[in-house]
Amino acid sequence: MSGRGVWLRARTRLRRFPALLAGCGEQAAAYGRCVAAAAAGTTELRRDACLEEFRALQDCFARAAKATPK
């Protein structure tokens, strides 16, 4: 049994990632600002510190993935 097909499918999905993420720039920027603010002056991030922003980014990405043809 060959794993080549698995890698080809994974590579195809990963190639779509930049285009999908480009449509979620506002959510990605908000998440990045939150993480930067949470990390400022500390050596580690607190779990779920930016959960709301992450979920907004995740939802945007999921909507973009569903809207684009495979």
PDB file of N, CA and C in Angstrom:
ATOM      1  N   MET A   1       0.852  -1.174   0.000  1.00  0.00           N
ATOM      2  CA  MET A   1       0.000   0.000   0.000  1.00  0.00           C
ATOM      3  C   MET A   1       0.898   1.237   0.000  1.00  0.00           C
ATOM      4  N   SER A   2       0.617   2.137  -0.892  1.00  0.00           N
ATOM      5  CA  SER A   2       1.465   3.315  -1.072  1.00  0.00           C
ATOM      6  C   SER A   2       0.884   4.521  -0.343  1.00  0.00           C
ATOM      7  N   GLY A   3       1.730   5.294   0.260  1.00  0.00           N
ATOM      8  CA  GLY A   3       1.306   6.520   0.926  1.00  0.00           C
ATOM      9  C   GLY A   3       1.378   7.733   0.015  1.00  0.00           C
ATOM     10  N   ARG A   4       1.749   7.506  -1.233  1.00  0.00           N
ATOM     11  CA  ARG A   4       1.918   8.623  -2.175  1.00  0.00           C
ATOM     12  C   ARG A   4       0.623   9.408  -2.358  1.00  0.00           C
ATOM     13  N   GLY A   5      -0.499   8.731  -2.466  1.00  0.00           N
ATOM     14  CA  GLY A   5      -1.779   9.410  -2.649  1.00  0.00           C
ATOM     15  C   GLY A   5      -2.125  10.310  -1.481  1.00  0.00           C
ATOM     16  N   VAL A   6      -1.790   9.869  -0.296  1.00  0.00           N
ATOM     17  CA  VAL A   6      -2.053  10.666   0.907  1.00  0.00           C
ATOM     18  C   VAL A   6      -1.270  11.970   0.848  1.00  0.00           C
ATOM     19  N   TRP A   7       0.005  11.875   0.473  1.00  0.00           N
ATOM     20  CA  TRP A   7       0.840  13.074   0.414  1.00  0.00           C
ATOM     21  C   TRP A   7       0.391  14.017  -0.682  1.00  0.00           C
ATOM     22  N   LEU A   8      -0.052  13.475  -1.798  1.00  0.00           N
ATOM     23  CA  LEU A   8      -0.531  14.331  -2.883  1.00  0.00           C
ATOM     24  C   LEU A   8      -1.781  15.097  -2.465  1.00  0.00           C
ATOM     25  N   ARG A   9      -2.695  14.430  -1.780  1.00  0.00           N
ATOM     26  CA  ARG A   9      -3.905  15.108  -1.307  1.00  0.00           C
ATOM     27  C   ARG A   9      -3.568  16.155  -0.259  1.00  0.00           C
ATOM     28  N   ALA A  10      -2.662  15.829   0.642  1.00  0.00           N
ATOM     29  CA  ALA A  10      -2.260  16.790   1.684  1.00  0.00           C
ATOM     30  C   ALA A  10      -1.592  18.005   1.053  1.00  0.00           C
ATOM     31  N   ARG A  11      -0.733  17.774   0.082  1.00  0.00           N
ATOM     32  CA  ARG A  11      -0.047  18.873  -0.592  1.00  0.00           C
ATOM     33  C   ARG A  11      -1.039  19.773  -1.325  1.00  0.00           C
ATOM     34  N   THR A  12      -2.043  19.172  -1.935  1.00  0.00           N
ATOM     35  CA  THR A  12      -3.070  19.948  -2.633  1.00  0.00           C
ATOM     36  C   THR A  12      -3.830  20.835  -1.664  1.00  0.00           C
ATOM     37  N   ARG A  13      -4.191  20.290  -0.514  1.00  0.00           N
ATOM     38  CA  ARG A  13      -4.906  21.097   0.500  1.00  0.00           C
ATOM     39  C   ARG A  13      -4.021  22.213   1.026  1.00  0.00           C
ATOM     40  N   LEU A  14      -2.753  21.928   1.265  1.00  0.00           N
ATOM     41  CA  LEU A  14      -1.840  22.945   1.796  1.00  0.00           C
ATOM     42  C   LEU A  14      -1.585  24.066   0.796  1.00  0.00           C
ATOM     43  N   ARG A  15      -1.630  23.767  -0.478  1.00  0.00           N
ATOM     44  CA  ARG A  15      -1.438  24.815  -1.490  1.00  0.00           C
ATOM     45  C   ARG A  15      -2.584  25.813  -1.476  1.00  0.00           C
ATOM     46  N   ARG A  16      -3.764  25.409  -1.048  1.00  0.00           N
ATOM     47  CA  ARG A  16      -4.917  26.308  -0.979  1.00  0.00           C
ATOM     48  C   ARG A  16      -4.850  27.231   0.234  1.00  0.00           C
ATOM     49  N   PHE A  17      -4.054  26.871   1.219  1.00  0.00           N
ATOM     50  CA  PHE A  17      -4.022  27.590   2.490  1.00  0.00           C
ATOM     51  C   PHE A  17      -3.753  29.091   2.355  1.00  0.00           C
ATOM     52  N   PRO A  18      -2.724  29.548   1.637  1.00  0.00           N
ATOM     53  CA  PRO A  18      -2.468  30.994   1.558  1.00  0.00           C
ATOM     54  C   PRO A  18      -3.631  31.783   0.965  1.00  0.00           C
ATOM     55  N   ALA A  19      -4.249  31.242  -0.068  1.00  0.00           N
ATOM     56  CA  ALA A  19      -5.375  31.951  -0.692  1.00  0.00           C
ATOM     57  C   ALA A  19      -6.564  32.033   0.256  1.00  0.00           C
ATOM     58  N   LEU A  20      -6.810  30.971   0.995  1.00  0.00           N
ATOM     59  CA  LEU A  20      -7.920  30.973   1.945  1.00  0.00           C
ATOM     60  C   LEU A  20      -7.652  31.947   3.090  1.00  0.00           C
ATOM     61  N   LEU A  21      -6.445  31.932   3.584  1.00  0.00           N
ATOM     62  CA  LEU A  21      -6.097  32.806   4.706  1.00  0.00           C
ATOM     63  C   LEU A  21      -6.085  34.269   4.299  1.00  0.00           C
ATOM     64  N   ALA A  22      -5.808  34.559   3.048  1.00  0.00           N
ATOM     65  CA  ALA A  22      -5.771  35.943   2.580  1.00  0.00           C
ATOM     66  C   ALA A  22      -7.122  36.624   2.757  1.00  0.00           C
ATOM     67  N   GLY A  23      -8.197  35.885   2.677  1.00  0.00           N
ATOM     68  CA  GLY A  23      -9.526  36.451   2.861  1.00  0.00           C
ATOM     69  C   GLY A  23      -9.873  36.705   4.315  1.00  0.00           C
ATOM     70  N   CYS A  24      -9.015  36.300   5.223  1.00  0.00           N
ATOM     71  CA  CYS A  24      -9.281  36.451   6.659  1.00  0.00           C
ATOM     72  C   CYS A  24      -8.242  37.361   7.310  1.00  0.00           C
ATOM     73  N   GLY A  25      -7.783  38.351   6.564  1.00  0.00           N
ATOM     74  CA  GLY A  25      -6.732  39.231   7.062  1.00  0.00           C
ATOM     75  C   GLY A  25      -7.103  39.993   8.314  1.00  0.00           C
ATOM     76  N   GLU A  26      -8.336  40.462   8.380  1.00  0.00           N
ATOM     77  CA  GLU A  26      -8.776  41.225   9.550  1.00  0.00           C
ATOM     78  C   GLU A  26      -8.749  40.357  10.814  1.00  0.00           C
ATOM     79  N   GLN A  27      -9.255  39.140  10.706  1.00  0.00           N
ATOM     80  CA  GLN A  27      -9.282  38.233  11.853  1.00  0.00           C
ATOM     81  C   GLN A  27      -7.868  37.780  12.232  1.00  0.00           C
ATOM     82  N   ALA A  28      -7.024  37.551  11.217  1.00  0.00           N
ATOM     83  CA  ALA A  28      -5.648  37.150  11.490  1.00  0.00           C
ATOM     84  C   ALA A  28      -4.886  38.275  12.197  1.00  0.00           C
ATOM     85  N   ALA A  29      -5.118  39.508  11.763  1.00  0.00           N
ATOM     86  CA  ALA A  29      -4.454  40.644  12.401  1.00  0.00           C
ATOM     87  C   ALA A  29      -4.917  40.822  13.837  1.00  0.00           C
ATOM     88  N   ALA A  30      -6.214  40.658  14.083  1.00  0.00           N
ATOM     89  CA  ALA A  30      -6.741  40.787  15.444  1.00  0.00           C
ATOM     90  C   ALA A  30      -6.148  39.715  16.352  1.00  0.00           C
ATOM     91  N   TYR A  31      -6.038  38.496  15.843  1.00  0.00           N
ATOM     92  CA  TYR A  31      -5.450  37.405  16.626  1.00  0.00           C
ATOM     93  C   TYR A  31      -3.971  37.688  16.899  1.00  0.00           C
ATOM     94  N   GLY A  32      -3.255  38.163  15.894  1.00  0.00           N
ATOM     95  CA  GLY A  32      -1.844  38.490  16.072  1.00  0.00           C
ATOM     96  C   GLY A  32      -1.632  39.594  17.092  1.00  0.00           C
ATOM     97  N   ARG A  33      -2.488  40.627  17.044  1.00  0.00           N
ATOM     98  CA  ARG A  33      -2.378  41.712  18.030  1.00  0.00           C
ATOM     99  C   ARG A  33      -2.635  41.187  19.441  1.00  0.00           C
ATOM    100  N   CYS A  34      -3.628  40.310  19.573  1.00  0.00           N
ATOM    101  CA  CYS A  34      -3.949  39.756  20.886  1.00  0.00           C
ATOM    102  C   CYS A  34      -2.788  38.928  21.434  1.00  0.00           C
ATOM    103  N   VAL A  35      -2.214  38.075  20.601  1.00  0.00           N
ATOM    104  CA  VAL A  35      -1.093  37.243  21.038  1.00  0.00           C
ATOM    105  C   VAL A  35       0.102  38.112  21.409  1.00  0.00           C
ATOM    106  N   ALA A  36       0.376  39.134  20.600  1.00  0.00           N
ATOM    107  CA  ALA A  36       1.499  40.032  20.897  1.00  0.00           C
ATOM    108  C   ALA A  36       1.274  40.758  22.215  1.00  0.00           C
ATOM    109  N   ALA A  37       0.054  41.221  22.444  1.00  0.00           N
ATOM    110  CA  ALA A  37      -0.246  41.919  23.691  1.00  0.00           C
ATOM    111  C   ALA A  37      -0.166  40.976  24.881  1.00  0.00           C
ATOM    112  N   ALA A  38      -0.639  39.755  24.711  1.00  0.00           N
ATOM    113  CA  ALA A  38      -0.609  38.786  25.811  1.00  0.00           C
ATOM    114  C   ALA A  38       0.815  38.348  26.131  1.00  0.00           C
ATOM    115  N   ALA A  39       1.683  38.346  25.124  1.00  0.00           N
ATOM    116  CA  ALA A  39       3.056  37.907  25.323  1.00  0.00           C
ATOM    117  C   ALA A  39       3.973  39.028  25.792  1.00  0.00           C
ATOM    118  N   ALA A  40       3.530  40.260  25.683  1.00  0.00           N
ATOM    119  CA  ALA A  40       4.377  41.397  26.065  1.00  0.00           C
ATOM    120  C   ALA A  40       4.701  41.347  27.553  1.00  0.00           C
ATOM    121  N   GLY A  41       5.969  41.368  27.843  1.00  0.00           N
ATOM    122  CA  GLY A  41       6.412  41.421  29.232  1.00  0.00           C
ATOM    123  C   GLY A  41       6.317  40.099  29.972  1.00  0.00           C
ATOM    124  N   THR A  42       6.064  39.013  29.272  1.00  0.00           N
ATOM    125  CA  THR A  42       5.999  37.716  29.940  1.00  0.00           C
ATOM    126  C   THR A  42       6.767  36.689  29.112  1.00  0.00           C
ATOM    127  N   THR A  43       7.137  35.600  29.736  1.00  0.00           N
ATOM    128  CA  THR A  43       7.892  34.575  29.023  1.00  0.00           C
ATOM    129  C   THR A  43       6.995  33.479  28.472  1.00  0.00           C
ATOM    130  N   GLU A  44       5.741  33.440  28.896  1.00  0.00           N
ATOM    131  CA  GLU A  44       4.835  32.422  28.371  1.00  0.00           C
ATOM    132  C   GLU A  44       3.417  32.960  28.263  1.00  0.00           C
ATOM    133  N   LEU A  45       2.687  32.394  27.326  1.00  0.00           N
ATOM    134  CA  LEU A  45       1.296  32.793  27.126  1.00  0.00           C
ATOM    135  C   LEU A  45       0.377  31.970  28.007  1.00  0.00           C
ATOM    136  N   ARG A  46      -0.701  32.580  28.396  1.00  0.00           N
ATOM    137  CA  ARG A  46      -1.710  31.874  29.183  1.00  0.00           C
ATOM    138  C   ARG A  46      -2.664  31.181  28.222  1.00  0.00           C
ATOM    139  N   ARG A  47      -3.020  29.954  28.528  1.00  0.00           N
ATOM    140  CA  ARG A  47      -3.928  29.189  27.679  1.00  0.00           C
ATOM    141  C   ARG A  47      -5.253  29.937  27.537  1.00  0.00           C
ATOM    142  N   ASP A  48      -5.775  29.953  26.328  1.00  0.00           N
ATOM    143  CA  ASP A  48      -7.054  30.587  26.001  1.00  0.00           C
ATOM    144  C   ASP A  48      -7.044  32.099  26.194  1.00  0.00           C
ATOM    145  N   ALA A  49      -5.866  32.712  26.213  1.00  0.00           N
ATOM    146  CA  ALA A  49      -5.784  34.164  26.377  1.00  0.00           C
ATOM    147  C   ALA A  49      -6.434  34.885  25.204  1.00  0.00           C
ATOM    148  N   CYS A  50      -6.366  34.307  24.026  1.00  0.00           N
ATOM    149  CA  CYS A  50      -6.912  34.927  22.810  1.00  0.00           C
ATOM    150  C   CYS A  50      -7.923  33.999  22.143  1.00  0.00           C
ATOM    151  N   LEU A  51      -8.668  33.294  22.944  1.00  0.00           N
ATOM    152  CA  LEU A  51      -9.593  32.293  22.422  1.00  0.00           C
ATOM    153  C   LEU A  51     -10.651  32.905  21.512  1.00  0.00           C
ATOM    154  N   GLU A  52     -11.206  34.047  21.885  1.00  0.00           N
ATOM    155  CA  GLU A  52     -12.245  34.684  21.070  1.00  0.00           C
ATOM    156  C   GLU A  52     -11.705  35.058  19.690  1.00  0.00           C
ATOM    157  N   GLU A  53     -10.517  35.633  19.643  1.00  0.00           N
ATOM    158  CA  GLU A  53      -9.903  36.022  18.374  1.00  0.00           C
ATOM    159  C   GLU A  53      -9.551  34.797  17.539  1.00  0.00           C
ATOM    160  N   PHE A  54      -9.059  33.748  18.213  1.00  0.00           N
ATOM    161  CA  PHE A  54      -8.717  32.522  17.500  1.00  0.00           C
ATOM    162  C   PHE A  54      -9.962  31.896  16.879  1.00  0.00           C
ATOM    163  N   ARG A  55     -11.041  31.843  17.631  1.00  0.00           N
ATOM    164  CA  ARG A  55     -12.277  31.256  17.099  1.00  0.00           C
ATOM    165  C   ARG A  55     -12.818  32.059  15.922  1.00  0.00           C
ATOM    166  N   ALA A  56     -12.694  33.381  15.975  1.00  0.00           N
ATOM    167  CA  ALA A  56     -13.127  34.214  14.849  1.00  0.00           C
ATOM    168  C   ALA A  56     -12.295  33.893  13.609  1.00  0.00           C
ATOM    169  N   LEU A  57     -10.990  33.735  13.778  1.00  0.00           N
ATOM    170  CA  LEU A  57     -10.116  33.382  12.666  1.00  0.00           C
ATOM    171  C   LEU A  57     -10.440  31.985  12.147  1.00  0.00           C
ATOM    172  N   GLN A  58     -10.660  31.063  13.036  1.00  0.00           N
ATOM    173  CA  GLN A  58     -10.997  29.687  12.662  1.00  0.00           C
ATOM    174  C   GLN A  58     -12.310  29.637  11.881  1.00  0.00           C
ATOM    175  N   ASP A  59     -13.308  30.382  12.339  1.00  0.00           N
ATOM    176  CA  ASP A  59     -14.598  30.419  11.647  1.00  0.00           C
ATOM    177  C   ASP A  59     -14.465  31.029  10.255  1.00  0.00           C
ATOM    178  N   CYS A  60     -13.703  32.105  10.144  1.00  0.00           N
ATOM    179  CA  CYS A  60     -13.489  32.750   8.850  1.00  0.00           C
ATOM    180  C   CYS A  60     -12.793  31.775   7.901  1.00  0.00           C
ATOM    181  N   PHE A  61     -11.785  31.099   8.388  1.00  0.00           N
ATOM    182  CA  PHE A  61     -11.051  30.164   7.546  1.00  0.00           C
ATOM    183  C   PHE A  61     -11.957  29.000   7.101  1.00  0.00           C
ATOM    184  N   ALA A  62     -12.783  28.496   7.998  1.00  0.00           N
ATOM    185  CA  ALA A  62     -13.695  27.405   7.656  1.00  0.00           C
ATOM    186  C   ALA A  62     -14.703  27.849   6.604  1.00  0.00           C
ATOM    187  N   ARG A  63     -15.229  29.064   6.745  1.00  0.00           N
ATOM    188  CA  ARG A  63     -16.176  29.587   5.741  1.00  0.00           C
ATOM    189  C   ARG A  63     -15.498  29.746   4.386  1.00  0.00           C
ATOM    190  N   ALA A  64     -14.256  30.225   4.384  1.00  0.00           N
ATOM    191  CA  ALA A  64     -13.517  30.398   3.140  1.00  0.00           C
ATOM    192  C   ALA A  64     -13.225  29.044   2.490  1.00  0.00           C
ATOM    193  N   ALA A  65     -12.902  28.056   3.282  1.00  0.00           N
ATOM    194  CA  ALA A  65     -12.605  26.725   2.742  1.00  0.00           C
ATOM    195  C   ALA A  65     -13.845  26.085   2.135  1.00  0.00           C
ATOM    196  N   LYS A  66     -14.989  26.294   2.754  1.00  0.00           N
ATOM    197  CA  LYS A  66     -16.232  25.739   2.216  1.00  0.00           C
ATOM    198  C   LYS A  66     -16.669  26.449   0.944  1.00  0.00           C
ATOM    199  N   ALA A  67     -16.347  27.725   0.820  1.00  0.00           N
ATOM    200  CA  ALA A  67     -16.812  28.533  -0.310  1.00  0.00           C
ATOM    201  C   ALA A  67     -15.970  28.317  -1.568  1.00  0.00           C
ATOM    202  N   THR A  68     -14.759  27.800  -1.431  1.00  0.00           N
ATOM    203  CA  THR A  68     -13.896  27.635  -2.600  1.00  0.00           C
ATOM    204  C   THR A  68     -14.019  26.228  -3.160  1.00  0.00           C
ATOM    205  N   PRO A  69     -13.967  26.108  -4.473  1.00  0.00           N
ATOM    206  CA  PRO A  69     -14.021  24.770  -5.079  1.00  0.00           C
ATOM    207  C   PRO A  69     -12.723  24.018  -4.809  1.00  0.00           C
ATOM    208  N   LYS A  70     -12.823  22.708  -4.759  1.00  0.00           N
ATOM    209  CA  LYS A  70     -11.639  21.880  -4.468  1.00  0.00           C
ATOM    210  C   LYS A  70     -10.798  21.678  -5.677  1.00  0.00           C
TER     211      LYS A  70
END
